[in-house]
Amino acid sequence: MATAIIGIGNIGGPLARHLVRGGEPVVLAAKDEANAAALAQELGGLARAASVEEAIAEADAVVFAVWLDTIKELTSKDTDLLEGKVVVDPSNPIGVDENGQMTRTLPDDQSAGSVVAAMLPTGAHYVKAFGTLAADSLASAANREPRRAVLFFATDDDAAAAAIERLISAAGFDPLKVGGVADARRIEVPGGDLHQNGGLNGQLLDLDQARAAAA
């Protein structure tokens, strides 16, 4: 199972490192192709760089580790390539206003997950995941001891659930499903009660704590 990671910033870069460390092959794509190539070289034989279209075509799972507006552009442009793929969406409905302040980019009753899922071809397998921790925690908390930190996910698709449980585990975290796409808002910011920077007030949860919080 190869995983394409589109975007190698605060989410995509650490995730690529974690997955390779966990034995998973990755195909990296970024707006600056030289950056993707440099990271692939650093990570060694399980990583390679490609264009966005090549990465999607080669992979079984595609992680769109980019801003929500960029995901919308890419899914619209590459719809046919996403047929049959597991599509992993870490996005949050946030932007930066003219004063440099974070702002919500969707109505309060709408999740980024519902927007992305609705844009995909019917044969794609959608899952919301990998955006539930602050970037520094995603980078530093993999393989935490004595108990792993949890990464929540949301999907209505059994194939997507199986794939993301494998990837989250390989990345050094424990996976926990919170529900379907209708529940994606719980693991997004602003406002999500199960996002580390939302209702969890910065906490990292182990599996028992996460189950209690989700319930």
N, C-alpha and C. Protein backbone atom coordinates (compact mmCIF):
# COMPACT_ATOMS: atom_id res chain seq x y z
N MET A 1 0.85 -1.20 0.00
CA MET A 1 0.00 0.00 0.00
C MET A 1 0.88 1.24 0.00
N ALA A 2 0.84 2.02 -1.05
CA ALA A 2 1.59 3.27 -1.12
C ALA A 2 0.67 4.43 -0.78
N THR A 3 1.21 5.42 -0.08
CA THR A 3 0.45 6.59 0.32
C THR A 3 1.03 7.83 -0.33
N ALA A 4 0.20 8.56 -1.08
CA ALA A 4 0.61 9.85 -1.61
C ALA A 4 0.35 10.91 -0.56
N ILE A 5 1.33 11.77 -0.35
CA ILE A 5 1.15 12.91 0.56
C ILE A 5 1.31 14.17 -0.29
N ILE A 6 0.20 14.88 -0.43
CA ILE A 6 0.18 16.10 -1.25
C ILE A 6 0.34 17.28 -0.31
N GLY A 7 1.51 17.92 -0.37
CA GLY A 7 1.84 18.99 0.56
C GLY A 7 2.74 18.44 1.67
N ILE A 8 3.88 19.09 1.89
CA ILE A 8 4.83 18.56 2.89
C ILE A 8 5.18 19.63 3.93
N GLY A 9 4.14 20.38 4.34
CA GLY A 9 4.33 21.41 5.36
C GLY A 9 4.17 20.84 6.76
N ASN A 10 3.41 21.54 7.61
CA ASN A 10 3.30 21.20 9.03
C ASN A 10 2.65 19.85 9.28
N ILE A 11 1.80 19.40 8.37
CA ILE A 11 1.19 18.08 8.52
C ILE A 11 1.89 17.06 7.64
N GLY A 12 2.06 17.38 6.37
CA GLY A 12 2.59 16.41 5.42
C GLY A 12 4.03 15.99 5.69
N GLY A 13 4.86 16.94 6.11
CA GLY A 13 6.26 16.60 6.37
C GLY A 13 6.43 15.62 7.52
N PRO A 14 5.91 15.96 8.73
CA PRO A 14 6.00 15.00 9.84
C PRO A 14 5.32 13.67 9.53
N LEU A 15 4.17 13.72 8.85
CA LEU A 15 3.47 12.47 8.54
C LEU A 15 4.32 11.58 7.64
N ALA A 16 4.97 12.16 6.66
CA ALA A 16 5.85 11.38 5.78
C ALA A 16 6.96 10.71 6.58
N ARG A 17 7.56 11.45 7.50
CA ARG A 17 8.63 10.89 8.33
C ARG A 17 8.10 9.73 9.19
N HIS A 18 6.93 9.95 9.81
CA HIS A 18 6.37 8.90 10.67
C HIS A 18 6.05 7.64 9.87
N LEU A 19 5.44 7.80 8.70
CA LEU A 19 5.04 6.63 7.92
C LEU A 19 6.24 5.84 7.43
N VAL A 20 7.26 6.53 6.97
CA VAL A 20 8.47 5.84 6.52
C VAL A 20 9.11 5.11 7.70
N ARG A 21 9.16 5.76 8.84
CA ARG A 21 9.71 5.11 10.03
C ARG A 21 8.90 3.86 10.39
N GLY A 22 7.60 3.89 10.07
CA GLY A 22 6.73 2.75 10.33
C GLY A 22 6.69 1.73 9.21
N GLY A 23 7.55 1.91 8.19
CA GLY A 23 7.67 0.93 7.12
C GLY A 23 6.74 1.12 5.95
N GLU A 24 6.06 2.27 5.87
CA GLU A 24 5.10 2.52 4.80
C GLU A 24 5.75 3.32 3.66
N PRO A 25 5.61 2.86 2.40
CA PRO A 25 6.10 3.65 1.27
C PRO A 25 5.25 4.88 1.03
N VAL A 26 5.90 5.99 0.69
CA VAL A 26 5.20 7.25 0.43
C VAL A 26 5.67 7.86 -0.88
N VAL A 27 4.73 8.56 -1.53
CA VAL A 27 5.03 9.34 -2.72
C VAL A 27 4.70 10.79 -2.39
N LEU A 28 5.68 11.67 -2.49
CA LEU A 28 5.54 13.05 -2.02
C LEU A 28 5.35 14.01 -3.20
N ALA A 29 4.41 14.93 -3.03
CA ALA A 29 4.19 15.96 -4.05
C ALA A 29 3.97 17.29 -3.36
N ALA A 30 4.52 18.35 -3.93
CA ALA A 30 4.38 19.67 -3.35
C ALA A 30 4.42 20.72 -4.45
N LYS A 31 3.91 21.91 -4.13
CA LYS A 31 3.95 23.00 -5.11
C LYS A 31 5.40 23.26 -5.54
N ASP A 32 6.31 23.25 -4.59
CA ASP A 32 7.74 23.34 -4.89
C ASP A 32 8.29 21.92 -5.01
N GLU A 33 8.43 21.43 -6.22
CA GLU A 33 8.83 20.04 -6.42
C GLU A 33 10.22 19.75 -5.87
N ALA A 34 11.08 20.78 -5.82
CA ALA A 34 12.42 20.58 -5.27
C ALA A 34 12.35 20.24 -3.79
N ASN A 35 11.40 20.84 -3.06
CA ASN A 35 11.24 20.52 -1.64
C ASN A 35 10.81 19.07 -1.46
N ALA A 36 9.88 18.62 -2.30
CA ALA A 36 9.43 17.23 -2.22
C ALA A 36 10.58 16.27 -2.52
N ALA A 37 11.37 16.62 -3.52
CA ALA A 37 12.50 15.76 -3.89
C ALA A 37 13.53 15.71 -2.77
N ALA A 38 13.78 16.85 -2.12
CA ALA A 38 14.76 16.88 -1.03
C ALA A 38 14.30 16.03 0.15
N LEU A 39 13.01 16.11 0.49
CA LEU A 39 12.50 15.31 1.60
C LEU A 39 12.54 13.82 1.26
N ALA A 40 12.17 13.49 0.02
CA ALA A 40 12.21 12.08 -0.39
C ALA A 40 13.63 11.53 -0.29
N GLN A 41 14.61 12.32 -0.70
CA GLN A 41 16.00 11.87 -0.61
C GLN A 41 16.41 11.68 0.85
N GLU A 42 15.97 12.60 1.71
CA GLU A 42 16.30 12.49 3.14
C GLU A 42 15.69 11.22 3.74
N LEU A 43 14.49 10.85 3.31
CA LEU A 43 13.78 9.73 3.92
C LEU A 43 14.23 8.37 3.39
N GLY A 44 14.88 8.36 2.24
CA GLY A 44 15.47 7.10 1.77
C GLY A 44 14.56 6.29 0.86
N GLY A 45 14.82 4.99 0.82
CA GLY A 45 14.25 4.13 -0.21
C GLY A 45 12.74 3.98 -0.22
N LEU A 46 12.08 4.22 0.91
CA LEU A 46 10.62 4.09 0.94
C LEU A 46 9.90 5.34 0.45
N ALA A 47 10.64 6.38 0.10
CA ALA A 47 10.03 7.64 -0.32
C ALA A 47 10.52 8.04 -1.70
N ARG A 48 9.61 8.60 -2.47
CA ARG A 48 10.00 9.20 -3.74
C ARG A 48 9.13 10.42 -3.98
N ALA A 49 9.60 11.32 -4.85
CA ALA A 49 8.86 12.53 -5.18
C ALA A 49 8.25 12.38 -6.57
N ALA A 50 7.13 13.06 -6.79
CA ALA A 50 6.43 13.00 -8.06
C ALA A 50 5.57 14.25 -8.20
N SER A 51 4.98 14.43 -9.38
CA SER A 51 3.98 15.48 -9.53
C SER A 51 2.72 15.06 -8.78
N VAL A 52 1.81 16.00 -8.55
CA VAL A 52 0.57 15.69 -7.85
C VAL A 52 -0.18 14.58 -8.57
N GLU A 53 -0.30 14.70 -9.89
CA GLU A 53 -1.06 13.70 -10.66
C GLU A 53 -0.39 12.34 -10.62
N GLU A 54 0.93 12.30 -10.73
CA GLU A 54 1.66 11.03 -10.66
C GLU A 54 1.50 10.39 -9.29
N ALA A 55 1.60 11.21 -8.26
CA ALA A 55 1.50 10.69 -6.90
C ALA A 55 0.13 10.06 -6.65
N ILE A 56 -0.92 10.76 -7.07
CA ILE A 56 -2.28 10.23 -6.89
C ILE A 56 -2.45 8.93 -7.67
N ALA A 57 -1.97 8.93 -8.91
CA ALA A 57 -2.15 7.75 -9.77
C ALA A 57 -1.44 6.52 -9.20
N GLU A 58 -0.29 6.72 -8.59
CA GLU A 58 0.51 5.60 -8.09
C GLU A 58 0.02 5.06 -6.75
N ALA A 59 -0.69 5.87 -5.98
CA ALA A 59 -0.97 5.55 -4.59
C ALA A 59 -2.29 4.81 -4.41
N ASP A 60 -2.39 4.10 -3.30
CA ASP A 60 -3.65 3.50 -2.86
C ASP A 60 -4.43 4.48 -1.99
N ALA A 61 -3.69 5.27 -1.20
CA ALA A 61 -4.29 6.29 -0.33
C ALA A 61 -3.64 7.63 -0.64
N VAL A 62 -4.44 8.70 -0.58
CA VAL A 62 -3.97 10.04 -0.89
C VAL A 62 -4.30 10.95 0.28
N VAL A 63 -3.26 11.55 0.89
CA VAL A 63 -3.45 12.49 1.98
C VAL A 63 -3.29 13.91 1.42
N PHE A 64 -4.35 14.69 1.49
CA PHE A 64 -4.29 16.07 1.00
C PHE A 64 -3.90 16.99 2.16
N ALA A 65 -2.60 17.11 2.43
CA ALA A 65 -2.10 17.90 3.55
C ALA A 65 -1.87 19.35 3.15
N VAL A 66 -2.96 19.97 2.68
CA VAL A 66 -2.93 21.35 2.18
C VAL A 66 -4.18 22.07 2.69
N TRP A 67 -4.24 23.38 2.45
CA TRP A 67 -5.40 24.17 2.88
C TRP A 67 -6.67 23.67 2.18
N LEU A 68 -7.81 23.90 2.83
CA LEU A 68 -9.10 23.45 2.30
C LEU A 68 -9.34 23.95 0.88
N ASP A 69 -9.06 25.22 0.61
CA ASP A 69 -9.29 25.75 -0.74
C ASP A 69 -8.44 25.02 -1.78
N THR A 70 -7.23 24.64 -1.39
CA THR A 70 -6.36 23.90 -2.31
C THR A 70 -6.89 22.49 -2.54
N ILE A 71 -7.41 21.86 -1.48
CA ILE A 71 -8.03 20.54 -1.66
C ILE A 71 -9.19 20.64 -2.65
N LYS A 72 -9.99 21.67 -2.53
CA LYS A 72 -11.13 21.83 -3.45
C LYS A 72 -10.64 21.97 -4.89
N GLU A 73 -9.59 22.74 -5.09
CA GLU A 73 -9.02 22.90 -6.44
C GLU A 73 -8.51 21.56 -6.97
N LEU A 74 -7.76 20.84 -6.16
CA LEU A 74 -7.13 19.60 -6.63
C LEU A 74 -8.16 18.50 -6.87
N THR A 75 -9.15 18.37 -5.98
CA THR A 75 -10.15 17.33 -6.18
C THR A 75 -11.00 17.62 -7.40
N SER A 76 -11.24 18.88 -7.68
CA SER A 76 -11.98 19.24 -8.88
C SER A 76 -11.18 18.92 -10.14
N LYS A 77 -9.88 19.20 -10.10
CA LYS A 77 -9.03 18.99 -11.27
C LYS A 77 -8.71 17.53 -11.51
N ASP A 78 -8.55 16.77 -10.44
CA ASP A 78 -8.08 15.38 -10.54
C ASP A 78 -9.15 14.36 -10.14
N THR A 79 -10.41 14.71 -10.37
CA THR A 79 -11.52 13.84 -9.95
C THR A 79 -11.35 12.42 -10.45
N ASP A 80 -11.06 12.27 -11.73
CA ASP A 80 -10.99 10.92 -12.31
C ASP A 80 -9.89 10.08 -11.65
N LEU A 81 -8.77 10.72 -11.30
CA LEU A 81 -7.66 9.98 -10.69
C LEU A 81 -7.99 9.47 -9.29
N LEU A 82 -8.97 10.10 -8.65
CA LEU A 82 -9.31 9.74 -7.27
C LEU A 82 -10.30 8.58 -7.19
N GLU A 83 -10.82 8.15 -8.32
CA GLU A 83 -11.74 7.02 -8.34
C GLU A 83 -11.05 5.79 -7.73
N GLY A 84 -11.69 5.18 -6.74
CA GLY A 84 -11.15 3.98 -6.13
C GLY A 84 -10.07 4.21 -5.07
N LYS A 85 -9.66 5.45 -4.87
CA LYS A 85 -8.61 5.75 -3.89
C LYS A 85 -9.20 6.01 -2.51
N VAL A 86 -8.42 5.72 -1.47
CA VAL A 86 -8.73 6.20 -0.13
C VAL A 86 -8.26 7.65 -0.06
N VAL A 87 -9.17 8.57 0.21
CA VAL A 87 -8.83 9.99 0.25
C VAL A 87 -8.86 10.46 1.70
N VAL A 88 -7.70 10.89 2.20
CA VAL A 88 -7.55 11.30 3.59
C VAL A 88 -7.50 12.82 3.64
N ASP A 89 -8.40 13.38 4.44
CA ASP A 89 -8.58 14.84 4.50
C ASP A 89 -8.28 15.34 5.91
N PRO A 90 -7.13 16.01 6.13
CA PRO A 90 -6.82 16.58 7.44
C PRO A 90 -7.30 18.02 7.62
N SER A 91 -8.02 18.57 6.65
CA SER A 91 -8.23 20.02 6.60
C SER A 91 -9.14 20.53 7.71
N ASN A 92 -8.95 21.79 8.04
CA ASN A 92 -9.81 22.52 8.95
C ASN A 92 -10.32 23.77 8.23
N PRO A 93 -11.56 24.20 8.53
CA PRO A 93 -12.12 25.36 7.83
C PRO A 93 -11.62 26.67 8.40
N ILE A 94 -10.31 26.88 8.28
CA ILE A 94 -9.71 28.10 8.84
C ILE A 94 -8.94 28.85 7.76
N GLY A 95 -8.88 30.15 7.93
CA GLY A 95 -8.10 31.01 7.07
C GLY A 95 -7.49 32.12 7.92
N VAL A 96 -6.80 33.03 7.27
CA VAL A 96 -6.17 34.15 7.96
C VAL A 96 -6.73 35.44 7.38
N ASP A 97 -7.26 36.30 8.26
CA ASP A 97 -7.83 37.55 7.78
C ASP A 97 -6.75 38.61 7.57
N GLU A 98 -7.20 39.81 7.19
CA GLU A 98 -6.23 40.87 6.86
C GLU A 98 -5.42 41.32 8.06
N ASN A 99 -5.87 40.99 9.27
CA ASN A 99 -5.13 41.34 10.48
C ASN A 99 -4.23 40.21 10.98
N GLY A 100 -4.16 39.13 10.18
CA GLY A 100 -3.34 38.00 10.57
C GLY A 100 -3.99 37.09 11.58
N GLN A 101 -5.29 37.28 11.83
CA GLN A 101 -6.00 36.46 12.80
C GLN A 101 -6.66 35.26 12.10
N MET A 102 -6.68 34.12 12.81
CA MET A 102 -7.36 32.95 12.29
C MET A 102 -8.87 33.20 12.25
N THR A 103 -9.49 32.78 11.16
CA THR A 103 -10.92 32.98 11.00
C THR A 103 -11.57 31.73 10.41
N ARG A 104 -12.83 31.49 10.74
CA ARG A 104 -13.55 30.35 10.19
C ARG A 104 -14.00 30.67 8.78
N THR A 105 -13.81 29.72 7.85
CA THR A 105 -14.10 29.97 6.44
C THR A 105 -15.39 29.31 5.96
N LEU A 106 -16.07 28.59 6.85
CA LEU A 106 -17.34 27.95 6.51
C LEU A 106 -18.39 28.33 7.55
N PRO A 107 -19.68 28.21 7.21
CA PRO A 107 -20.72 28.43 8.22
C PRO A 107 -20.54 27.48 9.40
N ASP A 108 -21.03 27.88 10.56
CA ASP A 108 -20.82 27.11 11.79
C ASP A 108 -21.38 25.69 11.70
N ASP A 109 -22.41 25.51 10.89
CA ASP A 109 -23.04 24.18 10.82
C ASP A 109 -22.46 23.30 9.71
N GLN A 110 -21.38 23.75 9.09
CA GLN A 110 -20.80 23.01 7.96
C GLN A 110 -19.35 22.64 8.28
N SER A 111 -18.98 21.38 8.04
CA SER A 111 -17.61 20.95 8.28
C SER A 111 -16.82 20.94 6.97
N ALA A 112 -15.52 21.07 7.10
CA ALA A 112 -14.66 20.90 5.92
C ALA A 112 -14.83 19.49 5.37
N GLY A 113 -15.01 18.52 6.26
CA GLY A 113 -15.19 17.15 5.83
C GLY A 113 -16.38 16.96 4.91
N SER A 114 -17.50 17.59 5.25
CA SER A 114 -18.69 17.45 4.41
C SER A 114 -18.47 18.08 3.04
N VAL A 115 -17.71 19.17 2.99
CA VAL A 115 -17.43 19.84 1.71
C VAL A 115 -16.55 18.96 0.83
N VAL A 116 -15.47 18.42 1.40
CA VAL A 116 -14.54 17.61 0.61
C VAL A 116 -15.20 16.31 0.17
N ALA A 117 -15.89 15.64 1.09
CA ALA A 117 -16.52 14.36 0.76
C ALA A 117 -17.50 14.51 -0.40
N ALA A 118 -18.22 15.64 -0.44
CA ALA A 118 -19.22 15.85 -1.48
C ALA A 118 -18.60 16.09 -2.85
N MET A 119 -17.32 16.46 -2.89
CA MET A 119 -16.66 16.76 -4.16
C MET A 119 -16.03 15.52 -4.81
N LEU A 120 -15.94 14.43 -4.08
CA LEU A 120 -15.20 13.27 -4.57
C LEU A 120 -16.06 12.41 -5.48
N PRO A 121 -15.43 11.64 -6.38
CA PRO A 121 -16.19 10.70 -7.20
C PRO A 121 -16.82 9.62 -6.32
N THR A 122 -17.89 9.01 -6.80
CA THR A 122 -18.64 8.06 -5.98
C THR A 122 -17.81 6.85 -5.58
N GLY A 123 -16.77 6.52 -6.35
CA GLY A 123 -15.94 5.35 -6.03
C GLY A 123 -14.80 5.63 -5.09
N ALA A 124 -14.63 6.88 -4.65
CA ALA A 124 -13.55 7.21 -3.71
C ALA A 124 -13.98 6.83 -2.29
N HIS A 125 -12.99 6.57 -1.44
CA HIS A 125 -13.23 6.15 -0.06
C HIS A 125 -12.73 7.26 0.85
N TYR A 126 -13.65 8.08 1.37
CA TYR A 126 -13.28 9.29 2.11
C TYR A 126 -13.10 9.03 3.61
N VAL A 127 -12.07 9.67 4.19
CA VAL A 127 -11.90 9.66 5.64
C VAL A 127 -11.28 10.99 6.10
N LYS A 128 -11.83 11.54 7.17
CA LYS A 128 -11.26 12.72 7.82
C LYS A 128 -10.27 12.25 8.87
N ALA A 129 -9.01 12.64 8.75
CA ALA A 129 -7.97 12.17 9.68
C ALA A 129 -6.70 13.00 9.54
N PHE A 130 -5.83 12.88 10.51
CA PHE A 130 -4.49 13.47 10.57
C PHE A 130 -4.49 14.98 10.79
N GLY A 131 -5.66 15.58 11.01
CA GLY A 131 -5.68 17.01 11.31
C GLY A 131 -6.17 17.32 12.70
N THR A 132 -6.20 16.29 13.58
CA THR A 132 -6.85 16.45 14.88
C THR A 132 -5.91 16.90 15.99
N LEU A 133 -4.62 16.99 15.68
CA LEU A 133 -3.63 17.47 16.66
C LEU A 133 -2.99 18.76 16.14
N ALA A 134 -2.49 19.56 17.06
CA ALA A 134 -1.64 20.68 16.68
C ALA A 134 -0.42 20.15 15.94
N ALA A 135 0.12 20.95 15.03
CA ALA A 135 1.23 20.48 14.19
C ALA A 135 2.43 20.03 15.02
N ASP A 136 2.73 20.75 16.11
CA ASP A 136 3.90 20.35 16.90
C ASP A 136 3.66 19.01 17.60
N SER A 137 2.43 18.75 18.01
CA SER A 137 2.13 17.46 18.64
C SER A 137 2.17 16.33 17.63
N LEU A 138 1.65 16.58 16.42
CA LEU A 138 1.73 15.56 15.38
C LEU A 138 3.18 15.19 15.13
N ALA A 139 4.06 16.18 15.12
CA ALA A 139 5.46 15.93 14.84
C ALA A 139 6.17 15.22 15.99
N SER A 140 5.79 15.55 17.24
CA SER A 140 6.61 15.10 18.38
C SER A 140 6.02 13.93 19.17
N ALA A 141 4.73 13.64 19.01
CA ALA A 141 4.07 12.69 19.92
C ALA A 141 3.96 11.27 19.36
N ALA A 142 4.52 11.00 18.20
CA ALA A 142 4.47 9.65 17.64
C ALA A 142 5.21 8.67 18.55
N ASN A 143 4.64 7.47 18.68
CA ASN A 143 5.26 6.40 19.49
C ASN A 143 5.52 6.83 20.93
N ARG A 144 4.59 7.61 21.45
CA ARG A 144 4.69 8.06 22.84
C ARG A 144 4.64 6.85 23.78
N GLU A 145 5.40 6.91 24.86
CA GLU A 145 5.39 5.85 25.87
C GLU A 145 5.01 6.44 27.24
N PRO A 146 4.37 5.67 28.12
CA PRO A 146 4.07 4.24 27.96
C PRO A 146 2.81 3.97 27.13
N ARG A 147 1.99 4.98 26.88
CA ARG A 147 0.78 4.76 26.10
C ARG A 147 0.76 5.73 24.93
N ARG A 148 0.45 5.21 23.76
CA ARG A 148 0.41 6.05 22.56
C ARG A 148 -0.69 7.11 22.65
N ALA A 149 -0.46 8.22 21.97
CA ALA A 149 -1.50 9.23 21.81
C ALA A 149 -2.47 8.79 20.72
N VAL A 150 -3.70 9.25 20.82
CA VAL A 150 -4.75 8.88 19.87
C VAL A 150 -4.86 9.91 18.76
N LEU A 151 -5.10 9.41 17.55
CA LEU A 151 -5.57 10.23 16.44
C LEU A 151 -6.99 9.79 16.11
N PHE A 152 -7.93 10.72 16.21
CA PHE A 152 -9.32 10.43 15.85
C PHE A 152 -9.49 10.43 14.33
N PHE A 153 -10.50 9.69 13.86
CA PHE A 153 -10.87 9.78 12.44
C PHE A 153 -12.37 9.64 12.31
N ALA A 154 -12.89 10.06 11.15
CA ALA A 154 -14.33 9.97 10.87
C ALA A 154 -14.52 9.52 9.43
N THR A 155 -15.35 8.49 9.25
CA THR A 155 -15.65 8.00 7.91
C THR A 155 -16.91 7.15 7.95
N ASP A 156 -17.59 7.06 6.82
CA ASP A 156 -18.73 6.16 6.65
C ASP A 156 -18.34 4.94 5.83
N ASP A 157 -17.05 4.81 5.51
CA ASP A 157 -16.59 3.84 4.52
C ASP A 157 -15.69 2.79 5.18
N ASP A 158 -16.04 1.53 5.05
CA ASP A 158 -15.27 0.47 5.71
C ASP A 158 -13.85 0.35 5.16
N ALA A 159 -13.70 0.50 3.84
CA ALA A 159 -12.36 0.41 3.25
C ALA A 159 -11.48 1.56 3.73
N ALA A 160 -12.06 2.75 3.82
CA ALA A 160 -11.30 3.90 4.32
C ALA A 160 -10.93 3.70 5.78
N ALA A 161 -11.85 3.14 6.57
CA ALA A 161 -11.57 2.91 7.99
C ALA A 161 -10.41 1.93 8.17
N ALA A 162 -10.41 0.85 7.40
CA ALA A 162 -9.33 -0.13 7.51
C ALA A 162 -8.00 0.49 7.11
N ALA A 163 -7.99 1.28 6.03
CA ALA A 163 -6.75 1.89 5.56
C ALA A 163 -6.22 2.91 6.56
N ILE A 164 -7.10 3.74 7.11
CA ILE A 164 -6.60 4.79 8.00
C ILE A 164 -6.17 4.21 9.33
N GLU A 165 -6.80 3.14 9.80
CA GLU A 165 -6.33 2.50 11.03
C GLU A 165 -4.91 1.98 10.85
N ARG A 166 -4.64 1.42 9.69
CA ARG A 166 -3.28 0.94 9.41
C ARG A 166 -2.29 2.11 9.37
N LEU A 167 -2.65 3.19 8.68
CA LEU A 167 -1.72 4.31 8.53
C LEU A 167 -1.49 5.03 9.87
N ILE A 168 -2.55 5.23 10.65
CA ILE A 168 -2.38 5.88 11.94
C ILE A 168 -1.49 5.04 12.85
N SER A 169 -1.69 3.73 12.83
CA SER A 169 -0.85 2.85 13.65
C SER A 169 0.60 2.88 13.18
N ALA A 170 0.81 2.83 11.86
CA ALA A 170 2.18 2.88 11.33
C ALA A 170 2.86 4.19 11.68
N ALA A 171 2.07 5.28 11.76
CA ALA A 171 2.63 6.59 12.08
C ALA A 171 2.96 6.75 13.56
N GLY A 172 2.59 5.77 14.39
CA GLY A 172 2.98 5.82 15.79
C GLY A 172 1.90 6.31 16.74
N PHE A 173 0.64 6.21 16.32
CA PHE A 173 -0.48 6.66 17.14
C PHE A 173 -1.52 5.53 17.23
N ASP A 174 -2.48 5.68 18.14
CA ASP A 174 -3.62 4.77 18.20
C ASP A 174 -4.81 5.40 17.48
N PRO A 175 -5.46 4.66 16.57
CA PRO A 175 -6.62 5.21 15.87
C PRO A 175 -7.91 5.03 16.66
N LEU A 176 -8.82 6.00 16.57
CA LEU A 176 -10.14 5.86 17.17
C LEU A 176 -11.17 6.57 16.29
N LYS A 177 -12.17 5.81 15.87
CA LYS A 177 -13.24 6.37 15.03
C LYS A 177 -14.26 7.09 15.90
N VAL A 178 -14.64 8.30 15.46
CA VAL A 178 -15.63 9.08 16.21
C VAL A 178 -17.01 9.05 15.55
N GLY A 179 -17.10 8.48 14.36
CA GLY A 179 -18.36 8.43 13.64
C GLY A 179 -18.14 8.59 12.16
N GLY A 180 -19.18 9.03 11.47
CA GLY A 180 -19.11 9.20 10.03
C GLY A 180 -18.81 10.64 9.64
N VAL A 181 -19.00 10.95 8.36
CA VAL A 181 -18.71 12.30 7.86
C VAL A 181 -19.53 13.34 8.61
N ALA A 182 -20.73 12.97 9.02
CA ALA A 182 -21.57 13.90 9.77
C ALA A 182 -20.95 14.32 11.09
N ASP A 183 -19.99 13.52 11.58
CA ASP A 183 -19.32 13.82 12.85
C ASP A 183 -17.96 14.48 12.65
N ALA A 184 -17.58 14.76 11.41
CA ALA A 184 -16.24 15.31 11.14
C ALA A 184 -16.00 16.62 11.88
N ARG A 185 -17.06 17.40 12.07
CA ARG A 185 -16.89 18.70 12.72
C ARG A 185 -16.32 18.56 14.14
N ARG A 186 -16.54 17.40 14.77
CA ARG A 186 -16.03 17.19 16.14
C ARG A 186 -14.51 17.18 16.19
N ILE A 187 -13.86 16.84 15.06
CA ILE A 187 -12.39 16.74 15.06
C ILE A 187 -11.75 17.82 14.20
N GLU A 188 -12.50 18.90 13.96
CA GLU A 188 -11.97 20.06 13.25
C GLU A 188 -11.92 21.26 14.19
N VAL A 189 -11.10 22.24 13.82
CA VAL A 189 -11.14 23.55 14.49
C VAL A 189 -11.47 24.60 13.44
N PRO A 190 -12.13 25.71 13.89
CA PRO A 190 -12.50 25.99 15.28
C PRO A 190 -13.76 25.23 15.72
N GLY A 191 -13.84 24.98 17.02
CA GLY A 191 -15.08 24.50 17.59
C GLY A 191 -15.19 23.03 17.91
N GLY A 192 -14.33 22.18 17.34
CA GLY A 192 -14.49 20.75 17.54
C GLY A 192 -14.15 20.30 18.95
N ASP A 193 -15.05 19.55 19.57
CA ASP A 193 -14.82 19.15 20.96
C ASP A 193 -13.73 18.11 21.10
N LEU A 194 -13.36 17.43 19.99
CA LEU A 194 -12.33 16.39 20.05
C LEU A 194 -11.05 16.80 19.33
N HIS A 195 -10.90 18.06 18.99
CA HIS A 195 -9.63 18.55 18.43
C HIS A 195 -8.74 19.02 19.57
N GLN A 196 -7.45 18.72 19.46
CA GLN A 196 -6.53 19.11 20.53
C GLN A 196 -6.59 20.61 20.82
N ASN A 197 -6.72 21.41 19.78
CA ASN A 197 -6.76 22.87 19.96
C ASN A 197 -8.18 23.40 20.11
N GLY A 198 -9.15 22.48 20.19
CA GLY A 198 -10.54 22.87 20.42
C GLY A 198 -10.94 22.52 21.84
N GLY A 199 -11.92 21.62 21.94
CA GLY A 199 -12.46 21.27 23.24
C GLY A 199 -11.50 20.53 24.16
N LEU A 200 -10.43 19.98 23.61
CA LEU A 200 -9.47 19.24 24.46
C LEU A 200 -8.44 20.15 25.13
N ASN A 201 -8.46 21.45 24.79
CA ASN A 201 -7.60 22.42 25.48
C ASN A 201 -6.14 22.01 25.53
N GLY A 202 -5.66 21.46 24.41
CA GLY A 202 -4.24 21.13 24.30
C GLY A 202 -3.86 19.74 24.76
N GLN A 203 -4.81 18.98 25.30
CA GLN A 203 -4.48 17.65 25.83
C GLN A 203 -4.18 16.65 24.72
N LEU A 204 -3.25 15.75 25.00
CA LEU A 204 -3.05 14.54 24.21
C LEU A 204 -3.69 13.39 24.99
N LEU A 205 -4.54 12.61 24.34
CA LEU A 205 -5.28 11.56 25.02
C LEU A 205 -4.75 10.18 24.64
N ASP A 206 -4.74 9.27 25.64
CA ASP A 206 -4.50 7.87 25.30
C ASP A 206 -5.83 7.23 24.92
N LEU A 207 -5.83 5.95 24.60
CA LEU A 207 -7.02 5.33 24.04
C LEU A 207 -8.19 5.33 25.02
N ASP A 208 -7.95 5.03 26.29
CA ASP A 208 -9.04 5.03 27.27
C ASP A 208 -9.62 6.44 27.44
N GLN A 209 -8.74 7.42 27.54
CA GLN A 209 -9.20 8.80 27.68
C GLN A 209 -9.98 9.24 26.44
N ALA A 210 -9.50 8.85 25.27
CA ALA A 210 -10.15 9.25 24.02
C ALA A 210 -11.53 8.63 23.88
N ARG A 211 -11.64 7.35 24.27
CA ARG A 211 -12.96 6.70 24.22
C ARG A 211 -13.95 7.41 25.14
N ALA A 212 -13.49 7.79 26.31
CA ALA A 212 -14.36 8.49 27.26
C ALA A 212 -14.78 9.86 26.71
N ALA A 213 -13.83 10.57 26.10
CA ALA A 213 -14.13 11.89 25.55
C ALA A 213 -15.09 11.79 24.37
N ALA A 214 -14.89 10.79 23.53
CA ALA A 214 -15.74 10.63 22.34
C ALA A 214 -17.17 10.26 22.72
N ALA A 215 -17.31 9.52 23.82
CA ALA A 215 -18.63 9.08 24.27
C ALA A 215 -19.41 10.21 24.94
